[in-house]
Amino acid sequence: MGYASGLRFAQPQANPPYDLFGETSMTLTDASRLKLLEPPAGRLRVVLDTDTYNEIDDQFALVQMLLSRDRFEVEAIYAAPFFNARADSPGHGMELSYQEILRLLDRLNVAPEGLVHRGVNDYVGPGKTARTAPAVDDLIARARAGSPEHPLYVIAIGAISNVASALLSAPDIIDRIVVVWLGGHALEWPHTVEFNLKQDVGGAQVLLDSGVPLVLVPCMGVTSRLHSTVPEIERYVEPHGSIGAFLAMRFKEYSSDHMGWAKEIWDMAPVAWLLNPLWAPSVIMPAPVLTDQMTWSIDRRRHSIRYVTYVDRNAILKDFFVKLRDFAAAKVP
């Protein structure tokens, strides 16, 4: 397999990939990790970590997750930080995301009390500093309440700061959770300067170095084919209740020129892998090394992760459209 210039093969290092976490991270054996990385069966305990106001895709992912009650037991939703033109600071981005989550839940008739938690106000950063927040505490408690036989699935679709803070504060939870993270670009991409990853490079390094069971869902080169258009959204989303109208509004307001325009709905991919792994085929590979320059390197001695290589755009969106239609049809006026 040929790799572009963004992927490098690491030279042998004196330190193992777990040195940040000490001996506690070694309690998860390779065999146990591979067992946790198997595509799961049955109904799953899940939490969602989301920078919901950053863009338009988190909203679709959150709704698809909540409308999949036969597959997911949704235990919590965490607001993640983000910082761009829509927010004054990472903490402001987190608060905007928190409020957007509430708007979505209101339209889904879901009570937010005990379900939605504010996340950290800052990134883990290059100092690998654990941040504190109600979301971090809740994640640790829910992880510890599980077991390797019944893990908590952490769907992460923003900067990984909440999850990385939990791993730094409580490394013992790595054998009780599986993180499914949309972050970075495909390994063959020339770089991995992707929004979720670049927001908190230190946090992403913590995640990749911790040994936690990880399903990595890349953006460019993999999830970039998961897109829709305004005509499709107007036909299959907008007519279906207040939540459909809200999602369509968010989708259409993202661009002022809709001619020949399609928009990626990136964040649906991690939810899709848990709904049906056939919709997001994957392979087992060594955890890539994330450099400070936001490129990938490979050290084949590292622990294994699961890496998504493709997404079935048609199957994922059809599942969403059908569930949204059925929800709106069943909703009492």
C-alpha atoms as a PDB file:
ATOM      1  CA  MET A   1       0.000   0.000   0.000  1.00  0.00           C
ATOM      2  CA  GLY A   2       1.410   3.395  -0.951  1.00  0.00           C
ATOM      3  CA  TYR A   3       1.289   6.323   1.432  1.00  0.00           C
ATOM      4  CA  ALA A   4       1.342  10.022   0.644  1.00  0.00           C
ATOM      5  CA  SER A   5       3.795  12.390   2.223  1.00  0.00           C
ATOM      6  CA  GLY A   6       1.597  12.903   5.289  1.00  0.00           C
ATOM      7  CA  LEU A   7       2.299   9.391   6.611  1.00  0.00           C
ATOM      8  CA  ARG A   8       5.683   8.576   8.110  1.00  0.00           C
ATOM      9  CA  PHE A   9       7.117   5.433   9.624  1.00  0.00           C
ATOM     10  CA  ALA A  10       8.408   6.106  13.113  1.00  0.00           C
ATOM     11  CA  GLN A  11      11.910   5.151  14.139  1.00  0.00           C
ATOM     12  CA  PRO A  12      12.254   2.811  17.139  1.00  0.00           C
ATOM     13  CA  GLN A  13      11.667   4.708  20.374  1.00  0.00           C
ATOM     14  CA  ALA A  14      12.928   4.021  23.867  1.00  0.00           C
ATOM     15  CA  ASN A  15       9.571   4.765  25.488  1.00  0.00           C
ATOM     16  CA  PRO A  16       6.487   2.595  24.935  1.00  0.00           C
ATOM     17  CA  PRO A  17       3.324   4.301  23.673  1.00  0.00           C
ATOM     18  CA  TYR A  18       1.720   4.160  27.128  1.00  0.00           C
ATOM     19  CA  ASP A  19       4.245   6.158  29.146  1.00  0.00           C
ATOM     20  CA  LEU A  20       1.822   9.032  29.717  1.00  0.00           C
ATOM     21  CA  PHE A  21      -0.523   6.737  31.639  1.00  0.00           C
ATOM     22  CA  GLY A  22       1.898   4.595  33.595  1.00  0.00           C
ATOM     23  CA  GLU A  23       1.175   1.020  34.540  1.00  0.00           C
ATOM     24  CA  THR A  24      -2.611   1.401  34.738  1.00  0.00           C
ATOM     25  CA  SER A  25      -3.011   1.494  30.962  1.00  0.00           C
ATOM     26  CA  MET A  26      -1.229  -1.834  30.673  1.00  0.00           C
ATOM     27  CA  THR A  27      -4.069  -3.628  32.485  1.00  0.00           C
ATOM     28  CA  LEU A  28      -5.875  -3.987  29.147  1.00  0.00           C
ATOM     29  CA  THR A  29      -4.309  -6.859  27.239  1.00  0.00           C
ATOM     30  CA  ASP A  30      -4.124  -6.940  23.461  1.00  0.00           C
ATOM     31  CA  ALA A  31      -6.619  -9.797  23.407  1.00  0.00           C
ATOM     32  CA  SER A  32      -9.059  -7.891  25.623  1.00  0.00           C
ATOM     33  CA  ARG A  33      -8.745  -4.791  23.472  1.00  0.00           C
ATOM     34  CA  LEU A  34      -9.444  -6.744  20.299  1.00  0.00           C
ATOM     35  CA  LYS A  35     -12.493  -8.289  21.953  1.00  0.00           C
ATOM     36  CA  LEU A  36     -13.841  -4.837  22.798  1.00  0.00           C
ATOM     37  CA  LEU A  37     -13.183  -3.684  19.235  1.00  0.00           C
ATOM     38  CA  GLU A  38     -15.392  -6.378  17.741  1.00  0.00           C
ATOM     39  CA  PRO A  39     -18.572  -5.032  16.116  1.00  0.00           C
ATOM     40  CA  PRO A  40     -21.111  -5.192  18.948  1.00  0.00           C
ATOM     41  CA  ALA A  41     -24.416  -7.028  18.985  1.00  0.00           C
ATOM     42  CA  GLY A  42     -27.616  -6.190  20.814  1.00  0.00           C
ATOM     43  CA  ARG A  43     -28.670  -2.983  22.489  1.00  0.00           C
ATOM     44  CA  LEU A  44     -25.775  -0.713  23.450  1.00  0.00           C
ATOM     45  CA  ARG A  45     -25.100   1.728  26.272  1.00  0.00           C
ATOM     46  CA  VAL A  46     -23.993   4.953  24.587  1.00  0.00           C
ATOM     47  CA  VAL A  47     -23.097   8.543  25.360  1.00  0.00           C
ATOM     48  CA  LEU A  48     -22.591  11.295  22.779  1.00  0.00           C
ATOM     49  CA  ASP A  49     -19.829  13.922  22.994  1.00  0.00           C
ATOM     50  CA  THR A  50     -20.707  16.707  20.557  1.00  0.00           C
ATOM     51  CA  ASP A  51     -19.761  20.261  19.542  1.00  0.00           C
ATOM     52  CA  THR A  52     -23.325  20.630  18.324  1.00  0.00           C
ATOM     53  CA  TYR A  53     -23.326  24.316  17.348  1.00  0.00           C
ATOM     54  CA  ASN A  54     -20.056  24.221  15.423  1.00  0.00           C
ATOM     55  CA  GLU A  55     -21.660  23.105  12.157  1.00  0.00           C
ATOM     56  CA  ILE A  56     -24.786  21.335  10.876  1.00  0.00           C
ATOM     57  CA  ASP A  57     -23.785  17.678  11.050  1.00  0.00           C
ATOM     58  CA  ASP A  58     -23.857  17.058  14.809  1.00  0.00           C
ATOM     59  CA  GLN A  59     -27.570  17.806  14.798  1.00  0.00           C
ATOM     60  CA  PHE A  60     -28.264  15.028  12.290  1.00  0.00           C
ATOM     61  CA  ALA A  61     -26.089  12.567  14.216  1.00  0.00           C
ATOM     62  CA  LEU A  62     -27.793  13.353  17.520  1.00  0.00           C
ATOM     63  CA  VAL A  63     -31.263  12.918  16.043  1.00  0.00           C
ATOM     64  CA  GLN A  64     -30.380   9.628  14.330  1.00  0.00           C
ATOM     65  CA  MET A  65     -28.950   8.320  17.591  1.00  0.00           C
ATOM     66  CA  LEU A  66     -32.018   9.272  19.640  1.00  0.00           C
ATOM     67  CA  LEU A  67     -34.389   7.817  17.040  1.00  0.00           C
ATOM     68  CA  SER A  68     -32.568   4.460  17.184  1.00  0.00           C
ATOM     69  CA  ARG A  69     -34.036   3.283  20.483  1.00  0.00           C
ATOM     70  CA  ASP A  70     -33.985  -0.362  19.474  1.00  0.00           C
ATOM     71  CA  ARG A  71     -30.189  -0.185  19.197  1.00  0.00           C
ATOM     72  CA  PHE A  72     -29.102   2.511  21.657  1.00  0.00           C
ATOM     73  CA  GLU A  73     -29.707   3.100  25.324  1.00  0.00           C
ATOM     74  CA  VAL A  74     -28.643   6.755  25.358  1.00  0.00           C
ATOM     75  CA  GLU A  75     -27.331   7.554  28.831  1.00  0.00           C
ATOM     76  CA  ALA A  76     -25.894  11.045  28.386  1.00  0.00           C
ATOM     77  CA  ILE A  77     -25.078  13.831  25.938  1.00  0.00           C
ATOM     78  CA  TYR A  78     -21.995  15.987  26.546  1.00  0.00           C
ATOM     79  CA  ALA A  79     -21.382  19.452  25.113  1.00  0.00           C
ATOM     80  CA  ALA A  80     -17.854  19.687  23.696  1.00  0.00           C
ATOM     81  CA  PRO A  81     -15.774  22.859  23.247  1.00  0.00           C
ATOM     82  CA  PHE A  82     -14.999  24.441  19.899  1.00  0.00           C
ATOM     83  CA  PHE A  83     -13.452  27.712  18.747  1.00  0.00           C
ATOM     84  CA  ASN A  84     -14.002  29.296  15.343  1.00  0.00           C
ATOM     85  CA  ALA A  85     -15.855  32.258  13.843  1.00  0.00           C
ATOM     86  CA  ARG A  86     -19.049  31.112  15.565  1.00  0.00           C
ATOM     87  CA  ALA A  87     -17.622  31.204  19.108  1.00  0.00           C
ATOM     88  CA  ASP A  88     -15.490  33.621  21.133  1.00  0.00           C
ATOM     89  CA  SER A  89     -13.580  30.873  22.969  1.00  0.00           C
ATOM     90  CA  PRO A  90     -13.629  27.088  23.435  1.00  0.00           C
ATOM     91  CA  GLY A  91     -15.790  27.536  26.522  1.00  0.00           C
ATOM     92  CA  HIS A  92     -18.214  29.763  24.638  1.00  0.00           C
ATOM     93  CA  GLY A  93     -18.390  27.132  21.901  1.00  0.00           C
ATOM     94  CA  MET A  94     -19.208  24.510  24.525  1.00  0.00           C
ATOM     95  CA  GLU A  95     -22.037  26.655  25.911  1.00  0.00           C
ATOM     96  CA  LEU A  96     -23.424  27.317  22.431  1.00  0.00           C
ATOM     97  CA  SER A  97     -23.368  23.570  21.827  1.00  0.00           C
ATOM     98  CA  TYR A  98     -25.158  22.943  25.119  1.00  0.00           C
ATOM     99  CA  GLN A  99     -27.952  25.311  24.105  1.00  0.00           C
ATOM    100  CA  GLU A 100     -28.202  23.726  20.640  1.00  0.00           C
ATOM    101  CA  ILE A 101     -28.591  20.299  22.252  1.00  0.00           C
ATOM    102  CA  LEU A 102     -31.513  21.662  24.274  1.00  0.00           C
ATOM    103  CA  ARG A 103     -33.164  23.022  21.126  1.00  0.00           C
ATOM    104  CA  LEU A 104     -32.938  19.610  19.488  1.00  0.00           C
ATOM    105  CA  LEU A 105     -34.249  17.731  22.519  1.00  0.00           C
ATOM    106  CA  ASP A 106     -37.205  20.102  22.794  1.00  0.00           C
ATOM    107  CA  ARG A 107     -38.220  19.274  19.224  1.00  0.00           C
ATOM    108  CA  LEU A 108     -37.827  15.561  19.943  1.00  0.00           C
ATOM    109  CA  ASN A 109     -39.868  15.737  23.170  1.00  0.00           C
ATOM    110  CA  VAL A 110     -36.896  14.477  25.184  1.00  0.00           C
ATOM    111  CA  ALA A 111     -36.372  15.870  28.689  1.00  0.00           C
ATOM    112  CA  PRO A 112     -32.813  17.200  29.152  1.00  0.00           C
ATOM    113  CA  GLU A 113     -32.656  16.852  32.936  1.00  0.00           C
ATOM    114  CA  GLY A 114     -29.990  14.359  33.942  1.00  0.00           C
ATOM    115  CA  LEU A 115     -29.192  13.671  30.295  1.00  0.00           C
ATOM    116  CA  VAL A 116     -27.273  16.735  29.064  1.00  0.00           C
ATOM    117  CA  HIS A 117     -24.031  17.861  30.692  1.00  0.00           C
ATOM    118  CA  ARG A 118     -21.737  20.806  30.085  1.00  0.00           C
ATOM    119  CA  GLY A 119     -18.217  19.914  29.010  1.00  0.00           C
ATOM    120  CA  VAL A 120     -14.817  21.462  29.583  1.00  0.00           C
ATOM    121  CA  ASN A 121     -14.102  25.123  28.892  1.00  0.00           C
ATOM    122  CA  ASP A 122     -10.619  24.567  27.482  1.00  0.00           C
ATOM    123  CA  TYR A 123      -8.592  22.007  25.594  1.00  0.00           C
ATOM    124  CA  VAL A 124      -6.284  19.401  27.086  1.00  0.00           C
ATOM    125  CA  GLY A 125      -3.589  20.998  24.963  1.00  0.00           C
ATOM    126  CA  PRO A 126       0.117  20.227  24.535  1.00  0.00           C
ATOM    127  CA  GLY A 127       0.568  19.994  28.303  1.00  0.00           C
ATOM    128  CA  LYS A 128      -1.842  17.014  28.382  1.00  0.00           C
ATOM    129  CA  THR A 129      -3.757  18.682  31.216  1.00  0.00           C
ATOM    130  CA  ALA A 130      -6.969  17.040  32.399  1.00  0.00           C
ATOM    131  CA  ARG A 131      -9.811  19.566  32.543  1.00  0.00           C
ATOM    132  CA  THR A 132     -12.763  19.365  34.901  1.00  0.00           C
ATOM    133  CA  ALA A 133     -16.436  19.547  33.984  1.00  0.00           C
ATOM    134  CA  PRO A 134     -19.735  17.845  34.790  1.00  0.00           C
ATOM    135  CA  ALA A 135     -19.417  15.896  31.519  1.00  0.00           C
ATOM    136  CA  VAL A 136     -16.027  14.495  32.532  1.00  0.00           C
ATOM    137  CA  ASP A 137     -17.308  13.398  35.932  1.00  0.00           C
ATOM    138  CA  ASP A 138     -20.412  11.833  34.412  1.00  0.00           C
ATOM    139  CA  LEU A 139     -18.394   9.951  31.800  1.00  0.00           C
ATOM    140  CA  ILE A 140     -16.053   8.510  34.424  1.00  0.00           C
ATOM    141  CA  ALA A 141     -18.958   7.425  36.635  1.00  0.00           C
ATOM    142  CA  ARG A 142     -20.832   5.768  33.775  1.00  0.00           C
ATOM    143  CA  ALA A 143     -17.699   4.027  32.539  1.00  0.00           C
ATOM    144  CA  ARG A 144     -16.948   2.646  35.992  1.00  0.00           C
ATOM    145  CA  ALA A 145     -20.529   1.387  36.247  1.00  0.00           C
ATOM    146  CA  GLY A 146     -19.911  -0.827  33.223  1.00  0.00           C
ATOM    147  CA  SER A 147     -17.666  -3.793  32.590  1.00  0.00           C
ATOM    148  CA  PRO A 148     -15.544  -5.251  29.789  1.00  0.00           C
ATOM    149  CA  GLU A 149     -18.503  -7.503  28.988  1.00  0.00           C
ATOM    150  CA  HIS A 150     -20.931  -4.557  28.881  1.00  0.00           C
ATOM    151  CA  PRO A 151     -18.860  -1.497  27.941  1.00  0.00           C
ATOM    152  CA  LEU A 152     -20.000   2.072  27.472  1.00  0.00           C
ATOM    153  CA  TYR A 153     -19.740   3.231  23.856  1.00  0.00           C
ATOM    154  CA  VAL A 154     -18.557   6.835  23.650  1.00  0.00           C
ATOM    155  CA  ILE A 155     -19.578   8.438  20.354  1.00  0.00           C
ATOM    156  CA  ALA A 156     -17.279  11.453  19.999  1.00  0.00           C
ATOM    157  CA  ILE A 157     -17.912  13.893  17.146  1.00  0.00           C
ATOM    158  CA  GLY A 158     -15.992  16.994  18.222  1.00  0.00           C
ATOM    159  CA  ALA A 159     -12.721  17.949  19.833  1.00  0.00           C
ATOM    160  CA  ILE A 160     -11.822  15.042  22.102  1.00  0.00           C
ATOM    161  CA  SER A 161     -11.160  17.206  25.188  1.00  0.00           C
ATOM    162  CA  ASN A 162     -13.917  15.788  27.416  1.00  0.00           C
ATOM    163  CA  VAL A 163     -12.934  12.197  26.686  1.00  0.00           C
ATOM    164  CA  ALA A 164      -9.190  12.848  26.986  1.00  0.00           C
ATOM    165  CA  SER A 165      -9.743  14.585  30.325  1.00  0.00           C
ATOM    166  CA  ALA A 166     -11.629  11.529  31.578  1.00  0.00           C
ATOM    167  CA  LEU A 167      -8.843   9.202  30.403  1.00  0.00           C
ATOM    168  CA  LEU A 168      -6.183  11.315  32.114  1.00  0.00           C
ATOM    169  CA  SER A 169      -8.190  11.590  35.336  1.00  0.00           C
ATOM    170  CA  ALA A 170      -9.306   7.949  35.447  1.00  0.00           C
ATOM    171  CA  PRO A 171      -7.093   5.716  33.271  1.00  0.00           C
ATOM    172  CA  ASP A 172      -8.720   2.684  34.893  1.00  0.00           C
ATOM    173  CA  ILE A 173     -11.788   3.150  32.675  1.00  0.00           C
ATOM    174  CA  ILE A 174     -10.042   2.067  29.461  1.00  0.00           C
ATOM    175  CA  ASP A 175     -11.236  -1.522  29.760  1.00  0.00           C
ATOM    176  CA  ARG A 176     -14.867  -0.429  30.181  1.00  0.00           C
ATOM    177  CA  ILE A 177     -15.356   1.962  27.269  1.00  0.00           C
ATOM    178  CA  VAL A 178     -15.053   1.942  23.497  1.00  0.00           C
ATOM    179  CA  VAL A 179     -14.489   5.337  21.886  1.00  0.00           C
ATOM    180  CA  VAL A 180     -15.839   5.871  18.371  1.00  0.00           C
ATOM    181  CA  TRP A 181     -14.282   9.156  17.232  1.00  0.00           C
ATOM    182  CA  LEU A 182     -14.664  11.172  14.058  1.00  0.00           C
ATOM    183  CA  GLY A 183     -11.249  12.799  13.858  1.00  0.00           C
ATOM    184  CA  GLY A 184      -8.376  13.415  11.483  1.00  0.00           C
ATOM    185  CA  HIS A 185      -8.152  12.533   7.816  1.00  0.00           C
ATOM    186  CA  ALA A 186      -7.427   9.228   6.099  1.00  0.00           C
ATOM    187  CA  LEU A 187      -3.930   7.857   6.631  1.00  0.00           C
ATOM    188  CA  GLU A 188      -3.026   8.394   2.979  1.00  0.00           C
ATOM    189  CA  TRP A 189      -4.074  12.059   3.111  1.00  0.00           C
ATOM    190  CA  PRO A 190      -1.110  14.472   2.865  1.00  0.00           C
ATOM    191  CA  HIS A 191      -1.901  15.842   6.341  1.00  0.00           C
ATOM    192  CA  THR A 192      -4.443  15.412   9.095  1.00  0.00           C
ATOM    193  CA  VAL A 193      -5.289  19.062   9.759  1.00  0.00           C
ATOM    194  CA  GLU A 194      -8.950  18.323  10.429  1.00  0.00           C
ATOM    195  CA  PHE A 195     -11.199  20.490  12.627  1.00  0.00           C
ATOM    196  CA  ASN A 196     -11.918  18.058  15.465  1.00  0.00           C
ATOM    197  CA  LEU A 197      -8.281  16.990  15.652  1.00  0.00           C
ATOM    198  CA  LYS A 198      -6.623  20.387  15.252  1.00  0.00           C
ATOM    199  CA  GLN A 199      -8.782  21.931  17.972  1.00  0.00           C
ATOM    200  CA  ASP A 200      -7.022  19.788  20.574  1.00  0.00           C
ATOM    201  CA  VAL A 201      -3.956  18.015  19.213  1.00  0.00           C
ATOM    202  CA  GLY A 202      -2.821  17.191  22.745  1.00  0.00           C
ATOM    203  CA  GLY A 203      -6.166  15.631  23.544  1.00  0.00           C
ATOM    204  CA  ALA A 204      -6.054  13.565  20.358  1.00  0.00           C
ATOM    205  CA  GLN A 205      -2.551  12.369  21.260  1.00  0.00           C
ATOM    206  CA  VAL A 206      -3.832  11.330  24.688  1.00  0.00           C
ATOM    207  CA  LEU A 207      -6.631   9.337  23.055  1.00  0.00           C
ATOM    208  CA  LEU A 208      -4.350   7.609  20.560  1.00  0.00           C
ATOM    209  CA  ASP A 209      -1.629   6.852  23.130  1.00  0.00           C
ATOM    210  CA  SER A 210      -3.866   5.697  25.991  1.00  0.00           C
ATOM    211  CA  GLY A 211      -4.557   2.198  24.704  1.00  0.00           C
ATOM    212  CA  VAL A 212      -8.313   2.718  25.036  1.00  0.00           C
ATOM    213  CA  PRO A 213     -10.322   0.664  22.517  1.00  0.00           C
ATOM    214  CA  LEU A 214     -10.785   3.123  19.665  1.00  0.00           C
ATOM    215  CA  VAL A 215     -12.738   3.106  16.428  1.00  0.00           C
ATOM    216  CA  LEU A 216     -11.199   5.896  14.351  1.00  0.00           C
ATOM    217  CA  VAL A 217     -13.459   7.396  11.678  1.00  0.00           C
ATOM    218  CA  PRO A 218     -11.450   9.649   9.321  1.00  0.00           C
ATOM    219  CA  CYS A 219     -12.925  12.657   7.534  1.00  0.00           C
ATOM    220  CA  MET A 220     -11.317  13.438   4.158  1.00  0.00           C
ATOM    221  CA  GLY A 221     -10.854  10.298   2.120  1.00  0.00           C
ATOM    222  CA  VAL A 222     -13.508   8.306   3.994  1.00  0.00           C
ATOM    223  CA  THR A 223     -16.455  10.205   5.485  1.00  0.00           C
ATOM    224  CA  SER A 224     -16.180  12.940   2.845  1.00  0.00           C
ATOM    225  CA  ARG A 225     -18.564  10.956   0.629  1.00  0.00           C
ATOM    226  CA  LEU A 226     -21.355  11.151   3.232  1.00  0.00           C
ATOM    227  CA  HIS A 227     -23.123  14.225   1.869  1.00  0.00           C
ATOM    228  CA  SER A 228     -26.561  15.480   0.911  1.00  0.00           C
ATOM    229  CA  THR A 229     -28.129  18.317  -1.080  1.00  0.00           C
ATOM    230  CA  VAL A 230     -30.824  20.913  -0.505  1.00  0.00           C
ATOM    231  CA  PRO A 231     -33.374  19.184  -2.795  1.00  0.00           C
ATOM    232  CA  GLU A 232     -32.860  15.894  -0.947  1.00  0.00           C
ATOM    233  CA  ILE A 233     -33.184  17.571   2.452  1.00  0.00           C
ATOM    234  CA  GLU A 234     -36.289  19.467   1.347  1.00  0.00           C
ATOM    235  CA  ARG A 235     -37.948  16.240   0.239  1.00  0.00           C
ATOM    236  CA  TYR A 236     -36.958  13.789   2.968  1.00  0.00           C
ATOM    237  CA  VAL A 237     -36.247  15.934   6.049  1.00  0.00           C
ATOM    238  CA  GLU A 238     -38.019  19.295   6.022  1.00  0.00           C
ATOM    239  CA  PRO A 239     -41.639  18.019   5.880  1.00  0.00           C
ATOM    240  CA  HIS A 240     -41.279  15.851   8.972  1.00  0.00           C
ATOM    241  CA  GLY A 241     -42.290  17.861  12.002  1.00  0.00           C
ATOM    242  CA  SER A 242     -40.572  20.675  13.841  1.00  0.00           C
ATOM    243  CA  ILE A 243     -37.350  18.679  14.128  1.00  0.00           C
ATOM    244  CA  GLY A 244     -37.266  18.103  10.359  1.00  0.00           C
ATOM    245  CA  ALA A 245     -37.878  21.782   9.687  1.00  0.00           C
ATOM    246  CA  PHE A 246     -35.124  22.738  12.139  1.00  0.00           C
ATOM    247  CA  LEU A 247     -32.585  20.369  10.587  1.00  0.00           C
ATOM    248  CA  ALA A 248     -33.443  21.620   7.104  1.00  0.00           C
ATOM    249  CA  MET A 249     -33.018  25.213   8.231  1.00  0.00           C
ATOM    250  CA  ARG A 250     -29.583  24.471   9.689  1.00  0.00           C
ATOM    251  CA  PHE A 251     -28.561  22.620   6.526  1.00  0.00           C
ATOM    252  CA  LYS A 252     -29.684  25.345   4.114  1.00  0.00           C
ATOM    253  CA  GLU A 253     -28.303  28.287   6.071  1.00  0.00           C
ATOM    254  CA  TYR A 254     -24.786  26.817   5.944  1.00  0.00           C
ATOM    255  CA  SER A 255     -24.353  28.132   2.386  1.00  0.00           C
ATOM    256  CA  SER A 256     -25.951  30.999   0.491  1.00  0.00           C
ATOM    257  CA  ASP A 257     -25.370  29.337  -2.904  1.00  0.00           C
ATOM    258  CA  HIS A 258     -27.121  25.985  -3.262  1.00  0.00           C
ATOM    259  CA  MET A 259     -26.623  25.512  -7.009  1.00  0.00           C
ATOM    260  CA  GLY A 260     -24.569  22.366  -7.578  1.00  0.00           C
ATOM    261  CA  TRP A 261     -23.876  22.305  -3.840  1.00  0.00           C
ATOM    262  CA  ALA A 262     -23.633  19.255  -1.592  1.00  0.00           C
ATOM    263  CA  LYS A 263     -22.737  19.283   2.091  1.00  0.00           C
ATOM    264  CA  GLU A 264     -20.966  16.577   4.075  1.00  0.00           C
ATOM    265  CA  ILE A 265     -22.828  15.345   7.143  1.00  0.00           C
ATOM    266  CA  TRP A 266     -19.638  14.031   8.712  1.00  0.00           C
ATOM    267  CA  ASP A 267     -20.854  13.249  12.196  1.00  0.00           C
ATOM    268  CA  MET A 268     -23.391  10.646  11.150  1.00  0.00           C
ATOM    269  CA  ALA A 269     -20.581   8.180  10.381  1.00  0.00           C
ATOM    270  CA  PRO A 270     -19.653   7.154  13.975  1.00  0.00           C
ATOM    271  CA  VAL A 271     -23.328   6.637  14.804  1.00  0.00           C
ATOM    272  CA  ALA A 272     -23.673   4.607  11.616  1.00  0.00           C
ATOM    273  CA  TRP A 273     -20.806   2.266  12.521  1.00  0.00           C
ATOM    274  CA  LEU A 274     -22.565   1.379  15.757  1.00  0.00           C
ATOM    275  CA  LEU A 275     -25.952   1.035  14.054  1.00  0.00           C
ATOM    276  CA  ASN A 276     -24.615  -1.340  11.419  1.00  0.00           C
ATOM    277  CA  PRO A 277     -20.879  -1.977  10.967  1.00  0.00           C
ATOM    278  CA  LEU A 278     -21.556  -2.974   7.352  1.00  0.00           C
ATOM    279  CA  TRP A 279     -22.363   0.684   6.666  1.00  0.00           C
ATOM    280  CA  ALA A 280     -18.826   1.649   7.696  1.00  0.00           C
ATOM    281  CA  PRO A 281     -16.393  -1.175   6.857  1.00  0.00           C
ATOM    282  CA  SER A 282     -13.234  -1.191   8.936  1.00  0.00           C
ATOM    283  CA  VAL A 283      -9.925  -2.924   9.588  1.00  0.00           C
ATOM    284  CA  ILE A 284      -7.725  -3.573  12.606  1.00  0.00           C
ATOM    285  CA  MET A 285      -4.382  -1.750  12.505  1.00  0.00           C
ATOM    286  CA  PRO A 286      -1.743  -0.307  14.856  1.00  0.00           C
ATOM    287  CA  ALA A 287      -2.743   3.015  16.405  1.00  0.00           C
ATOM    288  CA  PRO A 288      -1.137   5.737  14.289  1.00  0.00           C
ATOM    289  CA  VAL A 289       1.210   8.223  15.919  1.00  0.00           C
ATOM    290  CA  LEU A 290      -0.101  11.790  15.740  1.00  0.00           C
ATOM    291  CA  THR A 291       2.793  14.231  15.408  1.00  0.00           C
ATOM    292  CA  ASP A 292       2.750  17.782  16.728  1.00  0.00           C
ATOM    293  CA  GLN A 293       2.733  18.891  13.080  1.00  0.00           C
ATOM    294  CA  MET A 294      -0.600  17.107  12.552  1.00  0.00           C
ATOM    295  CA  THR A 295       0.667  14.311  10.330  1.00  0.00           C
ATOM    296  CA  TRP A 296       0.353  10.565  10.813  1.00  0.00           C
ATOM    297  CA  SER A 297       3.274   8.251  11.512  1.00  0.00           C
ATOM    298  CA  ILE A 298       3.198   4.475  11.840  1.00  0.00           C
ATOM    299  CA  ASP A 299       4.857   2.391  14.551  1.00  0.00           C
ATOM    300  CA  ARG A 300       3.753  -1.197  14.064  1.00  0.00           C
ATOM    301  CA  ARG A 301       4.551  -2.113  17.678  1.00  0.00           C
ATOM    302  CA  ARG A 302       1.683  -0.014  18.973  1.00  0.00           C
ATOM    303  CA  HIS A 303      -1.628  -1.274  20.288  1.00  0.00           C
ATOM    304  CA  SER A 304      -4.466  -2.017  17.867  1.00  0.00           C
ATOM    305  CA  ILE A 305      -7.374   0.192  16.921  1.00  0.00           C
ATOM    306  CA  ARG A 306     -10.232  -0.235  14.468  1.00  0.00           C
ATOM    307  CA  TYR A 307     -10.000   2.061  11.443  1.00  0.00           C
ATOM    308  CA  VAL A 308     -12.986   2.838   9.198  1.00  0.00           C
ATOM    309  CA  THR A 309     -12.136   2.741   5.491  1.00  0.00           C
ATOM    310  CA  TYR A 310     -15.453   3.529   3.770  1.00  0.00           C
ATOM    311  CA  VAL A 311     -18.995   4.730   4.468  1.00  0.00           C
ATOM    312  CA  ASP A 312     -22.178   3.606   2.710  1.00  0.00           C
ATOM    313  CA  ARG A 313     -23.766   6.987   2.212  1.00  0.00           C
ATOM    314  CA  ASN A 314     -27.036   5.663   0.774  1.00  0.00           C
ATOM    315  CA  ALA A 315     -27.734   3.173   3.561  1.00  0.00           C
ATOM    316  CA  ILE A 316     -26.903   5.680   6.307  1.00  0.00           C
ATOM    317  CA  LEU A 317     -29.114   8.448   4.954  1.00  0.00           C
ATOM    318  CA  LYS A 318     -31.999   6.117   4.123  1.00  0.00           C
ATOM    319  CA  ASP A 319     -31.976   4.837   7.701  1.00  0.00           C
ATOM    320  CA  PHE A 320     -32.125   8.422   8.938  1.00  0.00           C
ATOM    321  CA  PHE A 321     -34.891   9.496   6.548  1.00  0.00           C
ATOM    322  CA  VAL A 322     -37.086   6.514   7.443  1.00  0.00           C
ATOM    323  CA  LYS A 323     -36.666   6.996  11.198  1.00  0.00           C
ATOM    324  CA  LEU A 324     -37.382  10.725  10.951  1.00  0.00           C
ATOM    325  CA  ARG A 325     -40.491  10.119   8.839  1.00  0.00           C
ATOM    326  CA  ASP A 326     -41.804   7.476  11.220  1.00  0.00           C
ATOM    327  CA  PHE A 327     -41.117   9.648  14.267  1.00  0.00           C
ATOM    328  CA  ALA A 328     -43.008  12.597  12.803  1.00  0.00           C
ATOM    329  CA  ALA A 329     -45.905  10.380  11.723  1.00  0.00           C
ATOM    330  CA  ALA A 330     -46.241   8.855  15.189  1.00  0.00           C
ATOM    331  CA  LYS A 331     -45.945  12.126  17.086  1.00  0.00           C
ATOM    332  CA  VAL A 332     -49.197  13.256  18.688  1.00  0.00           C
ATOM    333  CA  PRO A 333     -50.123  16.794  17.505  1.00  0.00           C
END
